[in-house]
Amino acid sequence: MPEERNRVIIDHIAKVRMCPNAASQLNLLKEGITENVFVTGDPSFDSLGSVLPTKTAKNKGKYVLLTLHRDFNADDVVYLKVLMAALEEYGQPVLFPIHPRTQRTIHKNKIKIPKNVTDTAPVSYKKFVNLVANAKKVVTDSGGVQREAFWLGVPVIILRDETEWREIVSLGAGVLARPDTLLHELSNFRGKIIAPPVFGAKDKIKDILYRYA
């Protein structure tokens, strides 16, 4: 992932490193970074908490939420055609707040969006979290959406060959998929509802920053 290359560069020049979990701390250890390393939890958990609680929708559990924006997916015409074919065969309602990058590829190449897929403009963070919370399943290639679905107890199908948030898959809350396996996962993957530990980070980060200011 591009952001992972940035992470490596920044961590090697940083004075203080704050990790969301022990696995991230172990990555730094493998890179020879042992000083001023702290496991603080995940700031994204605090962001999620700022828009909770969510509202229960009338169609709760009756749709799949889809997001797609990674270049290796959104720019691949064949990938998108196979993906849309899988969604059409699935047949159940899919809500698709469409990323501009993905939308450009679909429109440029006249890729058919199935009738059971409702594509909309991107929505605000608060509204999006409500869509995640009320979904039957989430299908995404986003690292952030993976975590939001996990924390909200919604099964997540990850449209990638690997994920940086490995605990989601290892705990059975999520599964990796490609377009040719998506239909199977939509039909069969149930996901385990995991009660996640508290990952809030803002207080720990604040205390550490005061210490090193």
Protein backbone atom coordinates (compact mmCIF):
# COMPACT_ATOMS: atom_id res chain seq x y z
CA MET A 1 0.00 0.00 0.00
CA PRO A 2 1.31 3.51 -0.81
CA GLU A 3 0.60 4.67 2.72
CA GLU A 4 2.67 1.82 4.13
CA ARG A 5 5.73 3.10 2.24
CA ASN A 6 5.08 6.53 3.76
CA ARG A 7 4.72 4.93 7.18
CA VAL A 8 8.14 3.28 6.95
CA ILE A 9 9.85 6.53 5.92
CA ILE A 10 8.15 8.63 8.59
CA ASP A 11 8.75 6.10 11.39
CA HIS A 12 12.48 6.08 10.69
CA ILE A 13 12.80 9.87 11.02
CA ALA A 14 10.26 10.39 13.83
CA LYS A 15 11.18 11.27 17.41
CA VAL A 16 8.14 9.47 18.86
CA ARG A 17 6.17 6.56 17.37
CA MET A 18 2.63 5.75 18.51
CA CYS A 19 1.19 2.41 17.41
CA PRO A 20 -2.48 1.37 17.25
CA ASN A 21 -1.72 -2.18 18.40
CA ALA A 22 1.01 -4.64 19.40
CA ALA A 23 1.34 -5.96 15.82
CA SER A 24 2.35 -2.49 14.66
CA GLN A 25 4.86 -2.27 17.49
CA LEU A 26 6.31 -5.60 16.36
CA ASN A 27 6.73 -4.22 12.81
CA LEU A 28 8.87 -1.41 14.22
CA LEU A 29 10.91 -3.89 16.24
CA LYS A 30 11.62 -5.90 13.08
CA GLU A 31 12.84 -2.68 11.45
CA GLY A 32 15.21 -2.03 14.35
CA ILE A 33 13.13 0.75 15.92
CA THR A 34 12.89 0.29 19.67
CA GLU A 35 13.13 3.78 21.22
CA ASN A 36 10.15 6.00 22.03
CA VAL A 37 7.63 3.45 20.79
CA PHE A 38 4.20 3.39 22.46
CA VAL A 39 1.06 1.33 21.93
CA THR A 40 -1.69 3.92 22.27
CA GLY A 41 -4.74 2.43 20.57
CA ASP A 42 -6.34 3.66 17.37
CA PRO A 43 -7.41 7.31 16.84
CA SER A 44 -9.96 6.06 14.30
CA PHE A 45 -11.82 4.44 17.18
CA ASP A 46 -12.17 7.86 18.77
CA SER A 47 -13.44 9.28 15.47
CA LEU A 48 -16.04 6.53 15.28
CA GLY A 49 -17.11 7.18 18.84
CA SER A 50 -17.70 10.84 18.05
CA VAL A 51 -20.67 9.97 15.79
CA LEU A 52 -22.20 7.23 17.93
CA PRO A 53 -24.79 6.07 18.71
CA THR A 54 -26.16 5.22 15.29
CA LYS A 55 -29.83 5.21 14.39
CA THR A 56 -31.61 1.97 13.56
CA ALA A 57 -32.88 2.17 9.98
CA LYS A 58 -36.07 0.59 8.68
CA ASN A 59 -34.01 -1.49 6.25
CA LYS A 60 -31.48 -2.64 8.83
CA GLY A 61 -29.91 -5.94 7.79
CA LYS A 62 -31.57 -5.85 4.37
CA TYR A 63 -28.75 -4.50 2.20
CA VAL A 64 -25.05 -4.93 1.52
CA LEU A 65 -22.87 -1.82 1.66
CA LEU A 66 -20.14 -1.59 -1.00
CA THR A 67 -17.17 0.78 -1.20
CA LEU A 68 -14.40 0.61 -3.78
CA HIS A 69 -11.60 3.10 -4.37
CA ARG A 70 -8.16 1.43 -4.47
CA ASP A 71 -6.35 2.05 -7.76
CA PHE A 72 -5.70 -1.66 -8.35
CA ASN A 73 -9.46 -2.23 -8.19
CA ALA A 74 -11.05 1.03 -9.34
CA ASP A 75 -8.86 1.35 -12.46
CA ASP A 76 -9.23 -2.28 -13.57
CA VAL A 77 -12.03 -2.58 -16.14
CA VAL A 78 -12.07 -6.39 -16.14
CA TYR A 79 -12.13 -6.43 -12.34
CA LEU A 80 -15.11 -4.09 -12.22
CA LYS A 81 -17.05 -6.04 -14.84
CA VAL A 82 -16.57 -9.33 -12.98
CA LEU A 83 -17.47 -7.61 -9.70
CA MET A 84 -20.71 -6.19 -11.12
CA ALA A 85 -21.61 -9.56 -12.61
CA ALA A 86 -21.18 -11.18 -9.17
CA LEU A 87 -23.38 -8.54 -7.55
CA GLU A 88 -26.05 -9.00 -10.22
CA GLU A 89 -26.09 -12.76 -9.68
CA TYR A 90 -26.29 -12.21 -5.92
CA GLY A 91 -29.53 -10.34 -6.60
CA GLN A 92 -30.08 -8.76 -3.19
CA PRO A 93 -30.00 -4.99 -2.54
CA VAL A 94 -26.55 -3.40 -2.59
CA LEU A 95 -25.91 0.23 -1.65
CA PHE A 96 -22.86 1.72 -3.39
CA PRO A 97 -21.70 5.24 -2.39
CA ILE A 98 -19.42 5.56 -5.36
CA HIS A 99 -15.94 7.06 -5.21
CA PRO A 100 -15.16 9.56 -8.02
CA ARG A 101 -12.24 7.44 -9.21
CA THR A 102 -14.40 4.35 -9.51
CA GLN A 103 -17.20 6.35 -11.11
CA ARG A 104 -14.86 7.65 -13.83
CA THR A 105 -13.78 4.15 -14.80
CA ILE A 106 -17.36 2.86 -14.86
CA HIS A 107 -18.66 5.75 -16.97
CA LYS A 108 -15.67 5.86 -19.33
CA ASN A 109 -15.94 2.16 -20.09
CA LYS A 110 -19.76 1.99 -19.96
CA ILE A 111 -19.74 -0.72 -17.32
CA LYS A 112 -23.27 -1.80 -16.45
CA ILE A 113 -24.36 -1.34 -12.84
CA PRO A 114 -26.94 -4.04 -11.99
CA LYS A 115 -30.49 -3.05 -11.07
CA ASN A 116 -30.06 -4.40 -7.53
CA VAL A 117 -27.10 -2.02 -6.96
CA THR A 118 -28.02 1.54 -5.99
CA ASP A 119 -25.13 3.90 -6.64
CA THR A 120 -25.14 7.21 -4.79
CA ALA A 121 -22.83 10.17 -4.29
CA PRO A 122 -20.36 9.95 -1.38
CA VAL A 123 -21.96 10.76 1.98
CA SER A 124 -20.80 12.43 5.19
CA TYR A 125 -18.85 10.43 7.75
CA LYS A 126 -21.74 10.33 10.22
CA LYS A 127 -24.20 9.15 7.58
CA PHE A 128 -21.71 6.59 6.31
CA VAL A 129 -21.20 5.13 9.78
CA ASN A 130 -24.98 4.74 10.02
CA LEU A 131 -24.96 2.89 6.70
CA VAL A 132 -22.26 0.55 7.99
CA ALA A 133 -24.07 -0.10 11.27
CA ASN A 134 -27.34 -0.99 9.51
CA ALA A 135 -25.84 -3.14 6.75
CA LYS A 136 -26.20 -6.89 6.52
CA LYS A 137 -22.59 -7.09 5.32
CA VAL A 138 -19.94 -4.65 4.17
CA VAL A 139 -17.86 -5.21 1.03
CA THR A 140 -14.85 -2.90 0.79
CA ASP A 141 -11.23 -2.40 -0.18
CA SER A 142 -10.79 0.39 2.40
CA GLY A 143 -8.62 -0.07 5.48
CA GLY A 144 -10.72 2.36 7.50
CA VAL A 145 -14.07 0.86 6.53
CA GLN A 146 -12.77 -2.59 7.50
CA ARG A 147 -12.19 -1.37 11.04
CA GLU A 148 -15.49 0.49 11.29
CA ALA A 149 -17.40 -2.62 10.25
CA PHE A 150 -15.38 -4.73 12.70
CA TRP A 151 -15.97 -2.35 15.60
CA LEU A 152 -19.69 -2.11 14.78
CA GLY A 153 -20.08 -5.89 14.60
CA VAL A 154 -20.90 -6.09 10.87
CA PRO A 155 -19.35 -8.94 8.79
CA VAL A 156 -16.86 -7.48 6.31
CA ILE A 157 -15.74 -8.90 2.96
CA ILE A 158 -12.38 -7.37 2.05
CA LEU A 159 -11.77 -6.94 -1.68
CA ARG A 160 -8.02 -7.34 -1.47
CA ASP A 161 -5.39 -10.08 -1.46
CA GLU A 162 -4.16 -9.02 1.98
CA THR A 163 -5.08 -6.68 4.80
CA GLU A 164 -2.97 -4.69 7.20
CA TRP A 165 -5.61 -5.34 9.89
CA ARG A 166 -4.99 -9.06 10.12
CA GLU A 167 -6.89 -9.54 13.36
CA ILE A 168 -10.18 -8.93 11.52
CA VAL A 169 -9.59 -12.03 9.39
CA SER A 170 -7.88 -14.15 12.06
CA LEU A 171 -10.80 -13.59 14.45
CA GLY A 172 -13.31 -14.60 11.77
CA ALA A 173 -14.98 -11.19 11.59
CA GLY A 174 -13.85 -10.62 8.01
CA VAL A 175 -12.72 -12.53 4.93
CA LEU A 176 -10.53 -11.70 1.94
CA ALA A 177 -12.15 -11.99 -1.47
CA ARG A 178 -11.72 -11.31 -5.18
CA PRO A 179 -14.50 -10.72 -7.73
CA ASP A 180 -14.53 -14.40 -8.68
CA THR A 181 -15.06 -15.44 -5.04
CA LEU A 182 -17.33 -12.56 -4.02
CA LEU A 183 -20.60 -14.32 -4.83
CA HIS A 184 -19.62 -17.28 -2.64
CA GLU A 185 -18.69 -15.01 0.29
CA LEU A 186 -21.84 -12.91 -0.06
CA SER A 187 -23.94 -16.05 0.04
CA ASN A 188 -22.04 -17.97 2.71
CA PHE A 189 -19.87 -15.77 4.91
CA ARG A 190 -21.62 -14.95 8.17
CA GLY A 191 -18.77 -13.42 10.17
CA LYS A 192 -18.21 -13.73 13.90
CA ILE A 193 -19.43 -10.89 16.06
CA ILE A 194 -16.43 -9.94 18.15
CA ALA A 195 -16.59 -7.62 21.14
CA PRO A 196 -13.50 -5.54 20.37
CA PRO A 197 -11.31 -4.17 23.17
CA VAL A 198 -11.30 -0.43 23.69
CA PHE A 199 -8.95 1.06 21.10
CA GLY A 200 -9.42 4.77 21.93
CA ALA A 201 -6.13 6.62 21.73
CA LYS A 202 -6.66 10.36 22.26
CA ASP A 203 -5.85 10.51 25.99
CA LYS A 204 -2.72 8.39 25.69
CA ILE A 205 -1.50 10.35 22.67
CA LYS A 206 -2.13 13.64 24.45
CA ASP A 207 -0.12 12.54 27.50
CA ILE A 208 2.79 11.36 25.34
CA LEU A 209 2.85 14.58 23.32
CA TYR A 210 2.97 16.65 26.51
CA ARG A 211 5.89 14.56 27.66
CA TYR A 212 7.91 15.14 24.48
CA ALA A 213 6.80 18.69 23.66
